[in-house]
PDB file of N, CA and C in Angstrom:
ATOM      1  N   UNK A   1      10.935  28.514  -4.122  1.00  0.00           N
ATOM      2  CA  UNK A   1      11.523  28.246  -5.418  1.00  0.00           C
ATOM      3  C   UNK A   1      10.389  28.015  -6.424  1.00  0.00           C
ATOM      4  N   UNK A   2      10.565  28.504  -7.602  1.00  0.00           N
ATOM      5  CA  UNK A   2       9.564  28.408  -8.659  1.00  0.00           C
ATOM      6  C   UNK A   2       9.425  26.972  -9.178  1.00  0.00           C
ATOM      7  N   UNK A   3       8.191  26.589  -9.512  1.00  0.00           N
ATOM      8  CA  UNK A   3       7.896  25.220  -9.952  1.00  0.00           C
ATOM      9  C   UNK A   3       8.742  24.800 -11.154  1.00  0.00           C
ATOM     10  N   UNK A   4       8.906  25.688 -12.119  1.00  0.00           N
ATOM     11  CA  UNK A   4       9.698  25.372 -13.318  1.00  0.00           C
ATOM     12  C   UNK A   4      11.159  25.093 -12.953  1.00  0.00           C
ATOM     13  N   UNK A   5      11.677  25.888 -12.045  1.00  0.00           N
ATOM     14  CA  UNK A   5      13.064  25.715 -11.612  1.00  0.00           C
ATOM     15  C   UNK A   5      13.220  24.411 -10.818  1.00  0.00           C
ATOM     16  N   UNK A   6      12.244  24.075  -9.995  1.00  0.00           N
ATOM     17  CA  UNK A   6      12.284  22.817  -9.249  1.00  0.00           C
ATOM     18  C   UNK A   6      12.320  21.648 -10.222  1.00  0.00           C
ATOM     19  N   UNK A   7      11.439  21.662 -11.218  1.00  0.00           N
ATOM     20  CA  UNK A   7      11.388  20.579 -12.198  1.00  0.00           C
ATOM     21  C   UNK A   7      12.704  20.446 -12.959  1.00  0.00           C
ATOM     22  N   UNK A   8      13.239  21.561 -13.404  1.00  0.00           N
ATOM     23  CA  UNK A   8      14.485  21.542 -14.173  1.00  0.00           C
ATOM     24  C   UNK A   8      15.632  20.959 -13.343  1.00  0.00           C
ATOM     25  N   UNK A   9      15.755  21.409 -12.095  1.00  0.00           N
ATOM     26  CA  UNK A   9      16.829  20.911 -11.231  1.00  0.00           C
ATOM     27  C   UNK A   9      16.602  19.456 -10.818  1.00  0.00           C
ATOM     28  N   UNK A  10      15.344  19.083 -10.617  1.00  0.00           N
ATOM     29  CA  UNK A  10      15.038  17.693 -10.297  1.00  0.00           C
ATOM     30  C   UNK A  10      15.389  16.789 -11.469  1.00  0.00           C
ATOM     31  N   UNK A  11      15.046  17.198 -12.663  1.00  0.00           N
ATOM     32  CA  UNK A  11      15.383  16.404 -13.848  1.00  0.00           C
ATOM     33  C   UNK A  11      16.897  16.294 -14.003  1.00  0.00           C
ATOM     34  N   UNK A  12      17.607  17.359 -13.658  1.00  0.00           N
ATOM     35  CA  UNK A  12      19.075  17.324 -13.715  1.00  0.00           C
ATOM     36  C   UNK A  12      19.622  16.294 -12.718  1.00  0.00           C
ATOM     37  N   UNK A  13      19.034  16.262 -11.507  1.00  0.00           N
ATOM     38  CA  UNK A  13      19.457  15.276 -10.501  1.00  0.00           C
ATOM     39  C   UNK A  13      19.171  13.859 -10.987  1.00  0.00           C
ATOM     40  N   UNK A  14      18.023  13.656 -11.619  1.00  0.00           N
ATOM     41  CA  UNK A  14      17.684  12.334 -12.151  1.00  0.00           C
ATOM     42  C   UNK A  14      18.659  11.925 -13.252  1.00  0.00           C
ATOM     43  N   UNK A  15      19.006  12.846 -14.133  1.00  0.00           N
ATOM     44  CA  UNK A  15      19.944  12.555 -15.215  1.00  0.00           C
ATOM     45  C   UNK A  15      21.314  12.176 -14.644  1.00  0.00           C
ATOM     46  N   UNK A  16      21.754  12.892 -13.607  1.00  0.00           N
ATOM     47  CA  UNK A  16      23.043  12.582 -12.987  1.00  0.00           C
ATOM     48  C   UNK A  16      23.019  11.223 -12.300  1.00  0.00           C
ATOM     49  N   UNK A  17      21.823  10.785 -11.910  1.00  0.00           N
ATOM     50  CA  UNK A  17      21.660   9.474 -11.285  1.00  0.00           C
ATOM     51  C   UNK A  17      21.716   8.357 -12.320  1.00  0.00           C
ATOM     52  N   UNK A  18      21.584   8.721 -13.591  1.00  0.00           N
ATOM     53  CA  UNK A  18      21.673   7.718 -14.647  1.00  0.00           C
ATOM     54  C   UNK A  18      20.363   7.433 -15.360  1.00  0.00           C
ATOM     55  N   UNK A  19      19.327   8.215 -15.053  1.00  0.00           N
ATOM     56  CA  UNK A  19      18.031   8.030 -15.694  1.00  0.00           C
ATOM     57  C   UNK A  19      18.065   8.681 -17.076  1.00  0.00           C
ATOM     58  N   UNK A  20      17.587   7.944 -18.078  1.00  0.00           N
ATOM     59  CA  UNK A  20      17.551   8.500 -19.435  1.00  0.00           C
ATOM     60  C   UNK A  20      16.461   9.559 -19.548  1.00  0.00           C
ATOM     61  N   UNK A  21      16.718  10.554 -20.357  1.00  0.00           N
ATOM     62  CA  UNK A  21      15.820  11.696 -20.514  1.00  0.00           C
ATOM     63  C   UNK A  21      14.393  11.272 -20.866  1.00  0.00           C
ATOM     64  N   UNK A  22      14.256  10.299 -21.764  1.00  0.00           N
ATOM     65  CA  UNK A  22      12.927   9.884 -22.212  1.00  0.00           C
ATOM     66  C   UNK A  22      12.142   9.127 -21.134  1.00  0.00           C
ATOM     67  N   UNK A  23      12.799   8.700 -20.065  1.00  0.00           N
ATOM     68  CA  UNK A  23      12.122   8.013 -18.972  1.00  0.00           C
ATOM     69  C   UNK A  23      11.516   8.979 -17.957  1.00  0.00           C
ATOM     70  N   UNK A  24      11.955  10.217 -17.972  1.00  0.00           N
ATOM     71  CA  UNK A  24      11.547  11.178 -16.951  1.00  0.00           C
ATOM     72  C   UNK A  24      10.215  11.818 -17.312  1.00  0.00           C
ATOM     73  N   UNK A  25       9.262  11.685 -16.397  1.00  0.00           N
ATOM     74  CA  UNK A  25       7.976  12.374 -16.483  1.00  0.00           C
ATOM     75  C   UNK A  25       7.452  12.497 -15.059  1.00  0.00           C
ATOM     76  N   UNK A  26       6.536  13.422 -14.814  1.00  0.00           N
ATOM     77  CA  UNK A  26       6.006  13.568 -13.446  1.00  0.00           C
ATOM     78  C   UNK A  26       5.368  12.283 -12.923  1.00  0.00           C
ATOM     79  N   UNK A  27       4.805  11.471 -13.797  1.00  0.00           N
ATOM     80  CA  UNK A  27       4.125  10.248 -13.384  1.00  0.00           C
ATOM     81  C   UNK A  27       5.072   9.061 -13.221  1.00  0.00           C
ATOM     82  N   UNK A  28       6.333   9.210 -13.599  1.00  0.00           N
ATOM     83  CA  UNK A  28       7.283   8.099 -13.548  1.00  0.00           C
ATOM     84  C   UNK A  28       7.446   7.596 -12.115  1.00  0.00           C
ATOM     85  N   UNK A  29       7.279   6.296 -11.950  1.00  0.00           N
ATOM     86  CA  UNK A  29       7.421   5.632 -10.662  1.00  0.00           C
ATOM     87  C   UNK A  29       8.882   5.193 -10.496  1.00  0.00           C
ATOM     88  N   UNK A  30       9.445   5.455  -9.323  1.00  0.00           N
ATOM     89  CA  UNK A  30      10.856   5.132  -9.098  1.00  0.00           C
ATOM     90  C   UNK A  30      11.126   3.633  -9.214  1.00  0.00           C
ATOM     91  N   UNK A  31      10.238   2.808  -8.714  1.00  0.00           N
ATOM     92  CA  UNK A  31      10.436   1.360  -8.750  1.00  0.00           C
ATOM     93  C   UNK A  31      10.114   0.786 -10.131  1.00  0.00           C
ATOM     94  N   UNK A  32       8.916   1.036 -10.615  1.00  0.00           N
ATOM     95  CA  UNK A  32       8.432   0.392 -11.833  1.00  0.00           C
ATOM     96  C   UNK A  32       9.012   0.976 -13.114  1.00  0.00           C
ATOM     97  N   UNK A  33       9.103   2.297 -13.188  1.00  0.00           N
ATOM     98  CA  UNK A  33       9.537   2.949 -14.431  1.00  0.00           C
ATOM     99  C   UNK A  33      11.033   3.245 -14.469  1.00  0.00           C
ATOM    100  N   UNK A  34      11.573   3.700 -13.348  1.00  0.00           N
ATOM    101  CA  UNK A  34      12.982   4.114 -13.324  1.00  0.00           C
ATOM    102  C   UNK A  34      13.894   3.035 -12.751  1.00  0.00           C
ATOM    103  N   UNK A  35      13.320   1.993 -12.188  1.00  0.00           N
ATOM    104  CA  UNK A  35      14.063   0.825 -11.679  1.00  0.00           C
ATOM    105  C   UNK A  35      15.146   1.213 -10.664  1.00  0.00           C
ATOM    106  N   UNK A  36      14.782   2.074  -9.715  1.00  0.00           N
ATOM    107  CA  UNK A  36      15.724   2.500  -8.684  1.00  0.00           C
ATOM    108  C   UNK A  36      16.033   1.344  -7.738  1.00  0.00           C
ATOM    109  N   UNK A  37      17.317   1.219  -7.385  1.00  0.00           N
ATOM    110  CA  UNK A  37      17.732   0.298  -6.328  1.00  0.00           C
ATOM    111  C   UNK A  37      18.331   1.139  -5.202  1.00  0.00           C
ATOM    112  N   UNK A  38      18.884   0.503  -4.186  1.00  0.00           N
ATOM    113  CA  UNK A  38      19.388   1.255  -3.029  1.00  0.00           C
ATOM    114  C   UNK A  38      20.530   2.196  -3.407  1.00  0.00           C
ATOM    115  N   UNK A  39      21.360   1.780  -4.325  1.00  0.00           N
ATOM    116  CA  UNK A  39      22.459   2.649  -4.774  1.00  0.00           C
ATOM    117  C   UNK A  39      21.912   3.879  -5.497  1.00  0.00           C
ATOM    118  N   UNK A  40      20.929   3.672  -6.369  1.00  0.00           N
ATOM    119  CA  UNK A  40      20.311   4.808  -7.074  1.00  0.00           C
ATOM    120  C   UNK A  40      19.711   5.804  -6.086  1.00  0.00           C
ATOM    121  N   UNK A  41      19.061   5.288  -5.044  1.00  0.00           N
ATOM    122  CA  UNK A  41      18.461   6.175  -4.041  1.00  0.00           C
ATOM    123  C   UNK A  41      19.527   6.994  -3.322  1.00  0.00           C
ATOM    124  N   UNK A  42      20.636   6.393  -3.000  1.00  0.00           N
ATOM    125  CA  UNK A  42      21.708   7.129  -2.314  1.00  0.00           C
ATOM    126  C   UNK A  42      22.285   8.222  -3.221  1.00  0.00           C
ATOM    127  N   UNK A  43      22.513   7.886  -4.472  1.00  0.00           N
ATOM    128  CA  UNK A  43      23.053   8.865  -5.420  1.00  0.00           C
ATOM    129  C   UNK A  43      22.037   9.980  -5.651  1.00  0.00           C
ATOM    130  N   UNK A  44      20.779   9.599  -5.859  1.00  0.00           N
ATOM    131  CA  UNK A  44      19.713  10.570  -6.101  1.00  0.00           C
ATOM    132  C   UNK A  44      19.568  11.524  -4.909  1.00  0.00           C
ATOM    133  N   UNK A  45      19.594  10.976  -3.700  1.00  0.00           N
ATOM    134  CA  UNK A  45      19.489  11.806  -2.496  1.00  0.00           C
ATOM    135  C   UNK A  45      20.656  12.777  -2.412  1.00  0.00           C
ATOM    136  N   UNK A  46      21.852  12.300  -2.702  1.00  0.00           N
ATOM    137  CA  UNK A  46      23.035  13.167  -2.696  1.00  0.00           C
ATOM    138  C   UNK A  46      22.852  14.340  -3.660  1.00  0.00           C
ATOM    139  N   UNK A  47      22.435  14.049  -4.889  1.00  0.00           N
ATOM    140  CA  UNK A  47      22.264  15.116  -5.871  1.00  0.00           C
ATOM    141  C   UNK A  47      21.123  16.049  -5.503  1.00  0.00           C
ATOM    142  N   UNK A  48      20.030  15.522  -4.966  1.00  0.00           N
ATOM    143  CA  UNK A  48      18.928  16.383  -4.531  1.00  0.00           C
ATOM    144  C   UNK A  48      19.410  17.362  -3.471  1.00  0.00           C
ATOM    145  N   UNK A  49      20.108  16.844  -2.464  1.00  0.00           N
ATOM    146  CA  UNK A  49      20.567  17.699  -1.372  1.00  0.00           C
ATOM    147  C   UNK A  49      21.601  18.715  -1.838  1.00  0.00           C
ATOM    148  N   UNK A  50      22.476  18.323  -2.746  1.00  0.00           N
ATOM    149  CA  UNK A  50      23.512  19.273  -3.186  1.00  0.00           C
ATOM    150  C   UNK A  50      22.957  20.295  -4.181  1.00  0.00           C
ATOM    151  N   UNK A  51      22.095  19.886  -5.075  1.00  0.00           N
ATOM    152  CA  UNK A  51      21.542  20.830  -6.059  1.00  0.00           C
ATOM    153  C   UNK A  51      20.570  21.810  -5.408  1.00  0.00           C
ATOM    154  N   UNK A  52      19.715  21.306  -4.509  1.00  0.00           N
ATOM    155  CA  UNK A  52      18.693  22.149  -3.890  1.00  0.00           C
ATOM    156  C   UNK A  52      19.143  22.765  -2.570  1.00  0.00           C
ATOM    157  N   UNK A  53      20.339  22.397  -2.107  1.00  0.00           N
ATOM    158  CA  UNK A  53      20.883  22.935  -0.848  1.00  0.00           C
ATOM    159  C   UNK A  53      19.903  22.723   0.309  1.00  0.00           C
ATOM    160  N   UNK A  54      19.418  21.485   0.432  1.00  0.00           N
ATOM    161  CA  UNK A  54      18.501  21.105   1.504  1.00  0.00           C
ATOM    162  C   UNK A  54      18.998  19.818   2.144  1.00  0.00           C
ATOM    163  N   UNK A  55      18.486  19.537   3.321  1.00  0.00           N
ATOM    164  CA  UNK A  55      18.753  18.270   3.989  1.00  0.00           C
ATOM    165  C   UNK A  55      17.430  17.523   4.035  1.00  0.00           C
ATOM    166  N   UNK A  56      17.368  16.383   3.382  1.00  0.00           N
ATOM    167  CA  UNK A  56      16.120  15.629   3.287  1.00  0.00           C
ATOM    168  C   UNK A  56      16.190  14.444   4.240  1.00  0.00           C
ATOM    169  N   UNK A  57      15.188  14.351   5.105  1.00  0.00           N
ATOM    170  CA  UNK A  57      15.100  13.264   6.073  1.00  0.00           C
ATOM    171  C   UNK A  57      14.951  11.929   5.348  1.00  0.00           C
ATOM    172  N   UNK A  58      15.536  10.881   5.909  1.00  0.00           N
ATOM    173  CA  UNK A  58      15.438   9.558   5.301  1.00  0.00           C
ATOM    174  C   UNK A  58      13.997   9.075   5.237  1.00  0.00           C
ATOM    175  N   UNK A  59      13.188   9.444   6.227  1.00  0.00           N
ATOM    176  CA  UNK A  59      11.768   9.074   6.208  1.00  0.00           C
ATOM    177  C   UNK A  59      11.049   9.699   5.018  1.00  0.00           C
ATOM    178  N   UNK A  60      11.403  10.924   4.681  1.00  0.00           N
ATOM    179  CA  UNK A  60      10.793  11.603   3.533  1.00  0.00           C
ATOM    180  C   UNK A  60      11.174  10.904   2.237  1.00  0.00           C
ATOM    181  N   UNK A  61      12.419  10.469   2.143  1.00  0.00           N
ATOM    182  CA  UNK A  61      12.881   9.764   0.945  1.00  0.00           C
ATOM    183  C   UNK A  61      12.120   8.453   0.785  1.00  0.00           C
ATOM    184  N   UNK A  62      11.881   7.745   1.889  1.00  0.00           N
ATOM    185  CA  UNK A  62      11.168   6.469   1.828  1.00  0.00           C
ATOM    186  C   UNK A  62       9.732   6.631   1.346  1.00  0.00           C
ATOM    187  N   UNK A  63       9.164   7.823   1.524  1.00  0.00           N
ATOM    188  CA  UNK A  63       7.782   8.072   1.119  1.00  0.00           C
ATOM    189  C   UNK A  63       7.651   8.516  -0.334  1.00  0.00           C
ATOM    190  N   UNK A  64       8.762   8.658  -1.039  1.00  0.00           N
ATOM    191  CA  UNK A  64       8.712   9.075  -2.438  1.00  0.00           C
ATOM    192  C   UNK A  64       8.472   7.860  -3.329  1.00  0.00           C
ATOM    193  N   UNK A  65       7.429   7.959  -4.142  1.00  0.00           N
ATOM    194  CA  UNK A  65       7.105   6.859  -5.048  1.00  0.00           C
ATOM    195  C   UNK A  65       7.189   7.270  -6.512  1.00  0.00           C
ATOM    196  N   UNK A  66       7.056   8.566  -6.777  1.00  0.00           N
ATOM    197  CA  UNK A  66       7.076   9.046  -8.158  1.00  0.00           C
ATOM    198  C   UNK A  66       7.832  10.372  -8.226  1.00  0.00           C
ATOM    199  N   UNK A  67       8.110  10.782  -9.439  1.00  0.00           N
ATOM    200  CA  UNK A  67       8.774  12.073  -9.661  1.00  0.00           C
ATOM    201  C   UNK A  67       7.891  13.191  -9.105  1.00  0.00           C
ATOM    202  N   UNK A  68       6.582  13.068  -9.289  1.00  0.00           N
ATOM    203  CA  UNK A  68       5.647  14.077  -8.797  1.00  0.00           C
ATOM    204  C   UNK A  68       5.708  14.199  -7.276  1.00  0.00           C
ATOM    205  N   UNK A  69       5.864  13.089  -6.561  1.00  0.00           N
ATOM    206  CA  UNK A  69       6.027  13.131  -5.099  1.00  0.00           C
ATOM    207  C   UNK A  69       7.260  13.943  -4.723  1.00  0.00           C
ATOM    208  N   UNK A  70       8.307  13.795  -5.498  1.00  0.00           N
ATOM    209  CA  UNK A  70       9.550  14.522  -5.229  1.00  0.00           C
ATOM    210  C   UNK A  70       9.357  16.016  -5.454  1.00  0.00           C
ATOM    211  N   UNK A  71       8.634  16.380  -6.505  1.00  0.00           N
ATOM    212  CA  UNK A  71       8.338  17.790  -6.770  1.00  0.00           C
ATOM    213  C   UNK A  71       7.579  18.389  -5.594  1.00  0.00           C
ATOM    214  N   UNK A  72       6.587  17.662  -5.092  1.00  0.00           N
ATOM    215  CA  UNK A  72       5.797  18.132  -3.948  1.00  0.00           C
ATOM    216  C   UNK A  72       6.691  18.323  -2.717  1.00  0.00           C
ATOM    217  N   UNK A  73       7.555  17.354  -2.430  1.00  0.00           N
ATOM    218  CA  UNK A  73       8.478  17.460  -1.304  1.00  0.00           C
ATOM    219  C   UNK A  73       9.395  18.670  -1.450  1.00  0.00           C
ATOM    220  N   UNK A  74       9.930  18.868  -2.645  1.00  0.00           N
ATOM    221  CA  UNK A  74      10.857  19.983  -2.854  1.00  0.00           C
ATOM    222  C   UNK A  74      10.160  21.328  -2.751  1.00  0.00           C
ATOM    223  N   UNK A  75       8.906  21.404  -3.137  1.00  0.00           N
ATOM    224  CA  UNK A  75       8.152  22.654  -2.965  1.00  0.00           C
ATOM    225  C   UNK A  75       8.048  23.016  -1.484  1.00  0.00           C
ATOM    226  N   UNK A  76       7.943  22.017  -0.636  1.00  0.00           N
ATOM    227  CA  UNK A  76       7.808  22.243   0.799  1.00  0.00           C
ATOM    228  C   UNK A  76       9.137  22.582   1.467  1.00  0.00           C
ATOM    229  N   UNK A  77      10.240  22.035   0.934  1.00  0.00           N
ATOM    230  CA  UNK A  77      11.530  22.191   1.608  1.00  0.00           C
ATOM    231  C   UNK A  77      12.480  23.186   0.956  1.00  0.00           C
ATOM    232  N   UNK A  78      12.384  23.340  -0.370  1.00  0.00           N
ATOM    233  CA  UNK A  78      13.356  24.195  -1.081  1.00  0.00           C
ATOM    234  C   UNK A  78      12.908  25.639  -1.120  1.00  0.00           C
TER     235      UNK A  78
END
């Protein structure tokens, strides 16, 4: 999948999770900048898997710290 398409779909998943557009950047940290809690992670994982048509291991999700980490993961799996 092309990098631009990954970013666009990832941003769409973040928006559906409730993240405001101005908060989204590759450097945004899920804990510090986006204030993700366990519910946000479950919703975000659901949208990632449904939008990208992939199954993401829970261990992989635990290793995500920033939007950029997610882009890297999706490049490997999508």
